[in-house]
N, C-alpha and C. Protein backbone atom coordinates (compact mmCIF):
# COMPACT_ATOMS: atom_id res chain seq x y z
N MET A 1 0.79 -1.20 0.15
CA MET A 1 -0.18 0.23 0.08
C MET A 1 0.99 1.33 0.13
N SER A 2 1.23 1.59 -1.31
CA SER A 2 1.80 3.16 -1.04
C SER A 2 0.61 4.34 -0.88
N VAL A 3 1.38 5.15 -0.14
CA VAL A 3 0.15 6.45 0.23
C VAL A 3 1.23 7.70 -0.30
N PHE A 4 0.52 8.26 -1.36
CA PHE A 4 1.49 9.14 -2.01
C PHE A 4 0.35 10.53 -1.56
N VAL A 5 0.72 11.16 -0.49
CA VAL A 5 0.05 11.93 0.41
C VAL A 5 1.51 12.81 1.05
N ARG A 6 1.85 13.99 1.03
CA ARG A 6 3.34 14.52 1.19
C ARG A 6 2.69 15.73 2.50
N TYR A 7 3.10 15.38 3.70
CA TYR A 7 2.65 15.88 4.95
C TYR A 7 2.74 17.59 4.89
N GLU A 8 3.58 18.13 4.31
CA GLU A 8 3.64 19.32 4.18
C GLU A 8 2.18 20.04 3.45
N ASP A 9 1.77 18.98 2.77
CA ASP A 9 0.39 19.62 1.99
C ASP A 9 -0.65 19.22 2.75
N LEU A 10 -0.58 18.57 3.83
CA LEU A 10 -1.90 18.35 4.87
C LEU A 10 -2.31 19.80 5.15
N SER A 11 -3.82 19.60 5.39
CA SER A 11 -4.24 21.21 5.92
C SER A 11 -4.14 20.95 7.83
N GLU A 12 -4.14 22.03 8.01
CA GLU A 12 -3.62 22.07 9.54
C GLU A 12 -4.36 21.23 10.80
N GLU A 13 -6.14 20.70 9.98
CA GLU A 13 -6.64 19.92 10.87
C GLU A 13 -6.20 18.56 10.51
N GLU A 14 -5.84 18.10 9.23
CA GLU A 14 -5.19 16.87 8.96
C GLU A 14 -3.36 16.77 9.86
N LYS A 15 -3.03 17.72 9.84
CA LYS A 15 -1.86 17.59 10.89
C LYS A 15 -2.16 17.20 12.07
N ALA A 16 -2.96 18.08 12.76
CA ALA A 16 -3.54 17.59 14.39
C ALA A 16 -4.19 16.53 14.56
N THR A 17 -4.93 15.67 13.60
CA THR A 17 -5.37 14.58 13.27
C THR A 17 -3.80 13.42 13.39
N PHE A 18 -3.48 13.49 12.43
CA PHE A 18 -1.97 12.74 12.52
C PHE A 18 -1.36 12.67 13.61
N LEU A 19 -0.98 14.25 14.39
CA LEU A 19 -0.09 14.12 15.66
C LEU A 19 -0.95 13.31 16.70
N THR A 20 -2.39 13.77 16.82
CA THR A 20 -3.15 12.93 17.57
C THR A 20 -3.34 11.71 17.65
N VAL A 21 -2.97 11.15 16.54
CA VAL A 21 -3.11 9.41 16.60
C VAL A 21 -1.32 8.93 16.57
N ALA A 22 -0.51 9.80 16.22
CA ALA A 22 0.57 9.11 16.42
C ALA A 22 1.43 9.09 17.82
N GLU A 23 0.73 10.38 18.55
CA GLU A 23 0.72 9.98 19.93
C GLU A 23 0.02 9.16 20.71
N CYS A 24 -1.05 9.01 20.25
CA CYS A 24 -1.96 7.84 21.01
C CYS A 24 -0.80 6.32 20.74
N VAL A 25 -0.78 6.31 19.53
CA VAL A 25 0.03 5.22 19.28
C VAL A 25 1.28 5.19 19.81
N ILE A 26 1.57 5.75 20.15
CA ILE A 26 3.22 6.22 20.90
C ILE A 26 3.05 5.44 22.20
N ASP A 27 1.48 6.40 23.09
CA ASP A 27 1.55 5.75 24.21
C ASP A 27 1.13 4.09 24.37
N LEU A 28 0.38 3.90 23.51
CA LEU A 28 0.34 2.39 23.42
C LEU A 28 1.65 1.59 23.34
N TYR A 29 2.33 2.06 22.24
CA TYR A 29 3.65 1.57 22.07
C TYR A 29 4.57 1.46 23.48
N ILE A 30 4.33 2.44 24.38
CA ILE A 30 4.93 2.57 25.80
C ILE A 30 4.48 1.18 26.89
N VAL A 31 3.21 1.29 26.33
CA VAL A 31 2.18 0.50 27.52
C VAL A 31 2.76 -0.69 27.18
N ALA A 32 2.83 -1.05 25.79
CA ALA A 32 2.85 -2.40 25.45
C ALA A 32 4.68 -2.99 26.23
N HIS A 33 5.25 -1.66 25.73
CA HIS A 33 7.45 -2.18 26.29
C HIS A 33 7.10 -2.14 27.67
N GLU A 34 6.54 -1.40 28.32
CA GLU A 34 6.86 -1.11 29.97
C GLU A 34 6.05 -2.29 30.67
N GLU A 35 4.84 -2.47 30.14
CA GLU A 35 3.82 -2.71 31.38
C GLU A 35 3.31 -4.52 30.44
N GLY A 36 3.78 -4.91 29.21
CA GLY A 36 3.03 -5.90 28.36
C GLY A 36 1.51 -5.55 27.77
N ILE A 37 1.64 -6.47 26.66
CA ILE A 37 0.87 -6.15 25.57
C ILE A 37 -0.76 -5.93 26.27
N LEU A 38 -0.83 -7.06 26.79
CA LEU A 38 -2.30 -6.92 27.36
C LEU A 38 -3.09 -5.98 28.19
N LEU A 39 -2.22 -5.08 28.63
CA LEU A 39 -2.53 -3.86 28.91
C LEU A 39 -2.95 -2.63 28.59
N MET A 40 -2.42 -3.01 27.14
CA MET A 40 -2.84 -1.85 25.95
C MET A 40 -4.34 -1.81 26.13
N GLU A 41 -5.05 -3.00 26.09
CA GLU A 41 -6.42 -2.78 26.53
C GLU A 41 -7.06 -1.90 27.12
N ASN A 42 -6.39 -1.33 28.30
CA ASN A 42 -6.65 -0.32 29.18
C ASN A 42 -6.67 0.81 28.80
N LYS A 43 -6.28 1.28 27.57
CA LYS A 43 -5.88 2.70 26.72
C LYS A 43 -7.35 2.95 26.13
N ILE A 44 -8.16 1.90 25.98
CA ILE A 44 -9.24 2.04 24.68
C ILE A 44 -10.24 3.05 24.99
N PRO A 45 -10.56 3.14 26.77
CA PRO A 45 -11.05 4.49 27.06
C PRO A 45 -10.92 5.77 26.50
N LYS A 46 -9.38 5.62 26.25
CA LYS A 46 -8.84 6.94 26.41
C LYS A 46 -8.98 7.10 24.39
N ILE A 47 -8.66 5.95 24.09
CA ILE A 47 -8.89 5.93 22.44
C ILE A 47 -10.44 6.43 21.80
N ASN A 48 -11.27 6.02 22.68
CA ASN A 48 -12.79 6.82 22.85
C ASN A 48 -13.07 8.14 22.63
N GLU A 49 -11.79 8.44 23.70
CA GLU A 49 -12.20 10.05 23.65
C GLU A 49 -11.53 10.32 22.58
N LEU A 50 -10.49 10.55 22.09
CA LEU A 50 -9.81 11.41 20.94
C LEU A 50 -10.61 12.12 20.15
N LYS A 51 -10.88 13.16 19.81
CA LYS A 51 -11.20 14.01 18.80
C LYS A 51 -10.88 13.93 17.43
N ILE A 52 -10.97 12.55 16.99
CA ILE A 52 -10.75 12.56 15.60
C ILE A 52 -11.85 12.00 15.02
N CYS A 53 -11.79 11.69 13.36
CA CYS A 53 -12.59 11.07 12.85
C CYS A 53 -12.57 9.22 13.33
N LYS A 54 -14.09 8.96 13.26
CA LYS A 54 -14.23 7.65 14.09
C LYS A 54 -13.77 6.40 13.45
N LYS A 55 -13.59 6.63 11.94
CA LYS A 55 -12.84 5.24 11.76
C LYS A 55 -12.08 5.05 12.10
N TYR A 56 -10.96 6.23 12.40
CA TYR A 56 -9.74 6.24 13.16
C TYR A 56 -9.38 5.41 14.55
N ILE A 57 -10.59 5.87 15.32
CA ILE A 57 -10.69 5.43 16.57
C ILE A 57 -11.21 3.84 16.43
N LEU A 58 -11.86 3.46 15.29
CA LEU A 58 -12.21 2.09 15.18
C LEU A 58 -11.25 1.48 14.90
N PHE A 59 -10.27 1.97 13.79
CA PHE A 59 -9.35 0.78 13.55
C PHE A 59 -8.44 1.10 14.30
N LEU A 60 -8.07 2.11 15.34
CA LEU A 60 -6.78 2.14 16.13
C LEU A 60 -7.20 0.95 17.46
N LYS A 61 -8.70 1.20 17.87
CA LYS A 61 -9.20 -0.13 18.94
C LYS A 61 -8.83 -1.62 18.07
N LYS A 62 -9.38 -1.65 16.89
CA LYS A 62 -9.44 -2.79 16.19
C LYS A 62 -7.83 -3.67 16.31
N ASN A 63 -7.12 -2.91 15.86
CA ASN A 63 -5.30 -3.34 16.12
C ASN A 63 -4.89 -3.23 17.37
N VAL A 64 -5.74 -2.99 18.53
CA VAL A 64 -5.40 -2.88 19.86
C VAL A 64 -5.87 -4.49 20.05
N GLU A 65 -7.14 -4.67 19.63
CA GLU A 65 -8.07 -5.75 20.31
C GLU A 65 -7.25 -7.13 19.62
N LEU A 66 -7.03 -6.77 18.27
CA LEU A 66 -5.97 -8.19 17.67
C LEU A 66 -4.74 -8.52 18.49
N MET A 67 -3.94 -7.29 18.84
CA MET A 67 -2.69 -7.50 19.53
C MET A 67 -2.89 -8.01 20.71
N VAL A 68 -3.81 -7.61 21.26
CA VAL A 68 -4.13 -8.06 22.83
C VAL A 68 -4.99 -9.52 22.96
N SER A 69 -5.50 -10.16 21.91
CA SER A 69 -5.94 -11.57 21.64
C SER A 69 -5.03 -12.35 21.35
N GLY A 70 -3.67 -11.58 20.65
CA GLY A 70 -2.67 -12.78 20.48
C GLY A 70 -2.43 -13.25 19.16
N MET A 71 -3.03 -12.67 18.21
CA MET A 71 -2.95 -12.65 16.68
C MET A 71 -2.05 -12.78 16.49
N ASP A 72 -1.43 -13.70 15.42
CA ASP A 72 -0.10 -13.15 15.15
C ASP A 72 -0.21 -11.88 14.01
N TRP A 73 0.81 -11.47 13.74
CA TRP A 73 1.03 -10.33 12.66
C TRP A 73 0.38 -10.71 11.22
N ASP A 74 0.72 -11.94 10.78
CA ASP A 74 0.07 -12.00 8.90
C ASP A 74 -0.91 -11.87 9.24
N CYS A 75 -1.46 -12.42 10.13
CA CYS A 75 -3.32 -12.68 10.34
C CYS A 75 -3.70 -11.54 10.78
N SER A 76 -3.07 -10.74 11.06
CA SER A 76 -3.90 -9.23 11.88
C SER A 76 -3.58 -8.45 10.64
N ARG A 77 -2.55 -8.30 10.10
CA ARG A 77 -2.14 -7.40 8.84
C ARG A 77 -3.15 -7.64 7.61
N LYS A 78 -3.32 -8.94 7.33
CA LYS A 78 -4.64 -9.39 6.43
C LYS A 78 -5.93 -8.64 6.75
N LEU A 79 -6.25 -8.75 8.02
CA LEU A 79 -7.56 -8.50 8.48
C LEU A 79 -7.61 -6.92 8.08
N MET A 80 -6.52 -6.26 8.78
CA MET A 80 -6.45 -4.73 8.62
C MET A 80 -6.25 -4.46 7.36
N GLU A 81 -5.73 -5.00 6.33
CA GLU A 81 -5.97 -4.55 5.01
C GLU A 81 -7.36 -5.01 4.81
N ASN A 82 -8.09 -5.74 4.86
CA ASN A 82 -9.36 -5.78 4.34
C ASN A 82 -10.28 -4.50 4.82
N TYR A 83 -9.87 -4.34 6.14
CA TYR A 83 -10.86 -3.16 6.70
C TYR A 83 -10.17 -1.92 5.91
N TYR A 84 -8.78 -1.76 5.69
CA TYR A 84 -8.54 -0.59 5.04
C TYR A 84 -8.84 -0.56 3.78
N ASP A 85 -9.36 -1.56 2.88
CA ASP A 85 -9.66 -1.81 1.63
C ASP A 85 -11.12 -1.26 1.47
N VAL A 86 -12.09 -1.74 2.09
CA VAL A 86 -13.35 -1.07 2.28
C VAL A 86 -13.73 0.37 2.72
N SER A 87 -12.64 0.71 3.80
CA SER A 87 -12.69 1.93 4.52
C SER A 87 -11.88 3.37 3.97
N VAL A 88 -11.18 3.07 2.95
CA VAL A 88 -10.50 4.11 2.80
C VAL A 88 -11.32 5.03 1.62
N GLU A 89 -11.63 6.00 2.17
CA GLU A 89 -12.40 7.27 0.49
C GLU A 89 -11.53 8.19 0.44
N THR A 90 -10.43 8.71 0.93
CA THR A 90 -9.69 9.69 0.80
C THR A 90 -8.26 9.44 0.69
N LEU A 91 -7.21 10.35 0.03
CA LEU A 91 -5.77 10.31 0.31
C LEU A 91 -5.53 9.85 1.58
N PHE A 92 -6.22 11.10 2.37
CA PHE A 92 -5.51 11.36 3.46
C PHE A 92 -6.08 10.20 4.59
N ASP A 93 -7.19 9.39 4.34
CA ASP A 93 -7.35 8.27 4.91
C ASP A 93 -6.48 7.18 4.79
N SER A 94 -6.18 6.92 3.74
CA SER A 94 -4.97 5.89 3.35
C SER A 94 -3.88 6.26 3.61
N PHE A 95 -3.46 7.32 4.09
CA PHE A 95 -2.08 8.01 4.55
C PHE A 95 -2.34 7.60 6.19
N MET A 96 -3.42 7.98 7.01
CA MET A 96 -3.69 7.60 8.13
C MET A 96 -3.61 5.89 8.51
N PHE A 97 -4.27 5.04 7.88
CA PHE A 97 -4.70 4.25 8.11
C PHE A 97 -3.35 3.38 7.55
N ASP A 98 -2.36 3.86 6.90
CA ASP A 98 -1.35 3.05 6.54
C ASP A 98 -0.37 3.40 7.57
N MET A 99 -0.35 4.37 8.19
CA MET A 99 0.59 5.05 9.35
C MET A 99 0.43 3.96 10.86
N ILE A 100 -0.86 3.98 10.80
CA ILE A 100 -1.70 3.13 12.32
C ILE A 100 -1.16 1.81 11.77
N MET A 101 -1.14 0.61 10.79
CA MET A 101 -0.91 -0.18 10.31
C MET A 101 0.14 -0.68 10.51
N ASN A 102 1.27 0.40 9.91
CA ASN A 102 2.97 0.23 10.28
C ASN A 102 3.59 0.43 11.67
N SER A 103 2.69 1.36 12.44
CA SER A 103 2.74 1.37 13.75
C SER A 103 2.59 0.36 14.27
N PHE A 104 1.44 -0.36 14.03
CA PHE A 104 1.23 -1.65 14.89
C PHE A 104 2.22 -3.18 14.46
N CYS A 105 2.42 -2.82 13.29
CA CYS A 105 3.56 -3.82 12.82
C CYS A 105 4.44 -3.78 13.23
N SER A 106 5.31 -2.54 13.79
CA SER A 106 6.60 -2.50 14.62
C SER A 106 6.02 -2.96 16.05
N MET A 107 5.09 -2.85 16.20
CA MET A 107 4.69 -3.24 17.96
C MET A 107 4.91 -4.61 17.90
N HIS A 108 4.30 -5.29 16.94
CA HIS A 108 4.08 -6.61 16.54
C HIS A 108 5.42 -7.55 16.65
N ILE A 109 6.21 -6.91 15.89
CA ILE A 109 7.64 -7.35 15.60
C ILE A 109 8.79 -7.36 16.92
N GLY A 110 8.20 -6.13 17.94
CA GLY A 110 9.17 -5.88 18.41
C GLY A 110 10.09 -4.88 18.58
N SER A 111 10.17 -3.99 17.81
CA SER A 111 11.08 -3.01 17.53
C SER A 111 11.52 -1.82 18.55
N GLY A 112 12.40 -1.56 18.65
CA GLY A 112 12.95 -0.51 19.61
C GLY A 112 11.78 0.74 19.53
N PRO A 113 12.41 1.33 20.66
CA PRO A 113 11.67 2.94 20.22
C PRO A 113 12.16 3.44 19.66
N ASN A 114 13.52 3.84 19.11
CA ASN A 114 14.04 4.71 18.10
C ASN A 114 13.76 4.38 16.57
N VAL A 115 13.45 2.56 16.73
CA VAL A 115 12.79 2.22 14.98
C VAL A 115 11.36 2.30 15.26
N PHE A 116 10.88 2.37 16.23
CA PHE A 116 9.58 2.76 16.20
C PHE A 116 8.99 4.46 15.92
N LEU A 117 9.81 5.17 16.71
CA LEU A 117 9.60 6.67 16.39
C LEU A 117 10.00 6.96 14.94
N GLU A 118 10.89 6.18 14.41
CA GLU A 118 11.43 6.33 12.83
C GLU A 118 10.34 6.45 12.01
N ARG A 119 9.53 4.93 12.45
CA ARG A 119 8.52 4.75 11.06
C ARG A 119 7.56 5.96 11.04
N ILE A 120 6.91 6.22 12.26
CA ILE A 120 6.04 7.21 12.32
C ILE A 120 6.52 8.54 12.03
N ALA A 121 7.70 8.76 12.36
CA ALA A 121 8.52 10.39 11.70
C ALA A 121 8.45 10.38 10.05
N SER A 122 8.92 9.09 9.62
CA SER A 122 9.06 8.51 7.86
C SER A 122 7.52 9.12 7.22
N TYR A 123 6.44 9.14 7.92
CA TYR A 123 5.32 9.62 7.25
C TYR A 123 5.25 11.35 7.21
N THR A 124 6.19 11.88 7.65
CA THR A 124 6.43 13.45 7.75
C THR A 124 7.23 14.05 6.63
N GLY A 125 7.80 13.04 6.13
CA GLY A 125 9.35 13.60 4.68
C GLY A 125 10.61 13.84 5.68
N ILE A 126 11.62 13.67 5.38
CA ILE A 126 12.98 14.07 5.72
C ILE A 126 13.13 15.34 6.55
N LEU A 127 12.42 16.24 5.72
CA LEU A 127 12.80 17.61 6.50
C LEU A 127 11.87 17.61 7.44
N GLU A 128 10.75 17.09 7.74
CA GLU A 128 9.98 17.28 9.05
C GLU A 128 10.22 15.94 9.99
N SER A 129 10.87 15.36 9.64
CA SER A 129 10.97 13.88 10.82
C SER A 129 11.65 13.91 12.06
N ALA A 130 13.08 14.76 11.71
CA ALA A 130 13.25 14.99 12.71
C ALA A 130 12.58 15.90 14.07
N SER A 131 12.05 16.97 13.56
CA SER A 131 10.77 17.92 14.61
C SER A 131 10.30 16.69 14.95
N ILE A 132 9.96 16.02 14.04
CA ILE A 132 8.25 15.31 14.73
C ILE A 132 9.11 14.13 15.99
N ILE A 133 10.53 13.59 15.77
CA ILE A 133 11.27 12.58 16.57
C ILE A 133 11.24 13.45 17.95
N GLU A 134 11.91 14.63 17.18
CA GLU A 134 12.15 15.42 19.08
C GLU A 134 11.02 15.52 19.82
N LYS A 135 10.15 16.18 18.59
CA LYS A 135 8.39 16.28 19.93
C LYS A 135 8.10 14.82 20.81
N PHE A 136 8.34 13.81 19.99
CA PHE A 136 8.03 12.83 20.67
C PHE A 136 9.10 12.13 21.86
N GLN A 137 10.21 12.53 21.18
CA GLN A 137 11.33 11.59 22.19
C GLN A 137 10.73 11.65 23.55
N LYS A 138 10.55 13.12 23.91
CA LYS A 138 10.60 13.00 25.19
C LYS A 138 9.75 11.74 26.13
N LYS A 139 8.66 11.44 25.20
CA LYS A 139 7.65 10.34 25.86
C LYS A 139 8.61 8.86 26.27
N PHE A 140 9.52 8.84 25.39
CA PHE A 140 10.43 7.70 25.68
C PHE A 140 11.74 8.01 26.55
N GLU A 141 11.72 8.76 27.05
CA GLU A 141 12.75 9.10 28.44
C GLU A 141 12.27 8.29 29.44
N GLY A 142 13.13 7.19 30.25
CA GLY A 142 13.03 6.60 31.03
C GLY A 142 12.79 5.22 31.11
N ILE A 143 12.41 5.22 29.87
CA ILE A 143 12.06 3.58 29.50
C ILE A 143 13.13 2.61 28.49
N CYS A 144 13.93 3.72 28.07
CA CYS A 144 15.52 2.94 27.38
C CYS A 144 16.45 3.65 27.36
N GLN A 145 17.46 3.18 27.21
CA GLN A 145 18.38 4.11 27.11
C GLN A 145 19.37 4.26 25.41
N GLU A 146 18.39 4.09 24.89
CA GLU A 146 18.38 4.51 23.35
C GLU A 146 17.82 5.61 23.03
N THR A 147 17.21 6.45 23.72
CA THR A 147 16.56 7.63 23.56
C THR A 147 18.16 8.84 23.40
N PRO A 148 18.61 9.52 22.45
CA PRO A 148 19.84 10.46 22.80
C PRO A 148 19.32 11.48 23.41
N PRO A 149 20.21 12.63 23.88
CA PRO A 149 19.65 13.55 24.49
C PRO A 149 19.09 14.90 23.38
N ARG A 150 18.20 15.63 23.47
CA ARG A 150 17.59 16.34 22.82
C ARG A 150 18.84 17.32 22.07
N GLY A 151 18.56 17.33 20.38
CA GLY A 151 19.81 18.13 19.44
C GLY A 151 20.78 17.05 19.16
N GLN A 152 20.96 16.13 19.72
CA GLN A 152 22.15 15.21 19.08
C GLN A 152 21.14 14.48 18.02
N LEU A 153 22.24 13.80 17.16
CA LEU A 153 21.23 13.19 16.19
C LEU A 153 20.57 12.19 16.49
N ALA A 154 19.25 11.85 16.10
CA ALA A 154 19.01 10.95 16.58
C ALA A 154 19.29 9.78 15.51
N PHE A 155 19.30 8.36 16.52
CA PHE A 155 19.60 6.98 15.95
C PHE A 155 21.10 6.92 15.35
N ARG A 156 21.78 7.85 15.97
CA ARG A 156 23.05 7.67 15.60
C ARG A 156 24.07 6.22 15.25
N ASN A 157 23.59 5.34 15.86
CA ASN A 157 24.13 3.84 15.67
C ASN A 157 23.33 3.17 15.18
N GLU A 158 21.95 3.73 14.66
CA GLU A 158 20.85 3.06 13.21
C GLU A 158 21.08 3.37 12.13
N GLY A 159 21.68 4.70 11.80
CA GLY A 159 21.89 5.32 10.57
C GLY A 159 20.43 6.03 10.51
N GLY A 160 19.98 6.01 11.54
CA GLY A 160 18.33 7.08 11.07
C GLY A 160 18.55 8.44 10.69
N THR A 161 17.10 9.07 11.29
CA THR A 161 17.78 10.59 10.43
C THR A 161 18.58 11.31 11.29
N ILE A 162 18.64 12.34 10.75
CA ILE A 162 19.45 13.64 11.34
C ILE A 162 18.79 14.99 12.60
N SER A 163 19.10 15.22 13.04
CA SER A 163 18.50 16.35 13.76
C SER A 163 17.79 17.65 12.69
N GLN A 164 17.28 18.29 13.21
CA GLN A 164 16.38 19.53 12.60
C GLN A 164 17.58 20.22 12.51
N GLU A 165 18.37 20.57 13.42
CA GLU A 165 19.52 21.66 12.90
C GLU A 165 20.13 21.46 11.80
N GLU A 166 20.59 20.05 11.76
CA GLU A 166 21.69 19.66 10.83
C GLU A 166 21.24 19.75 9.45
N ILE A 167 19.43 19.12 9.23
CA ILE A 167 18.49 19.90 8.13
C ILE A 167 18.80 21.20 7.58
N GLU A 168 19.03 21.96 8.54
CA GLU A 168 18.51 23.44 8.12
C GLU A 168 20.09 23.85 7.91
N MET A 169 21.18 23.40 8.45
CA MET A 169 22.20 23.62 8.33
C MET A 169 22.88 23.27 6.71
N LEU A 170 22.54 21.91 6.32
CA LEU A 170 22.68 21.36 5.03
C LEU A 170 21.84 21.95 3.95
N LEU A 171 21.07 22.52 4.64
CA LEU A 171 19.82 23.63 3.11
C LEU A 171 20.17 24.98 3.12
N GLY A 172 21.23 25.39 4.46
CA GLY A 172 21.74 26.77 4.00
C GLY A 172 20.54 27.63 4.87
N TYR A 173 19.81 26.79 5.77
CA TYR A 173 18.58 28.27 6.78
C TYR A 173 19.24 28.98 7.78
């Protein structure tokens, strides 16, 4: 599923929706990482309170339910692709469903926090990714030693993105 939507072309409302869903998925990741996958189910009431499109809420909840049920990733992915195929009406829907599915894929396969953040940030493009990572890195402080101090290269050991400051320097801003 290729999504051809540029983050920079999204409306302010769409960007706010993306950030709300990204924060929710990150919170779910942290619960799964620190407390265990089964306790992700306790976040469903919080998901229900999100001020976003109902189909994104339902898609988030369905992904949580499948993870908590212990369904393997291949079966979950196929089921989510079916929901994707019949629920996507706009390019933005495709962008959101794809981001949610790929985020849950990272959880299923046990990606580390840096890889998980990188996956979410990749939806914003290379120029925005560092600022998105910096925004959400704070949530990961204390759960692992992988999170570099603010302003340093993100994911230096894994070859991921560079900091927003370095992007601006390279572009001559």
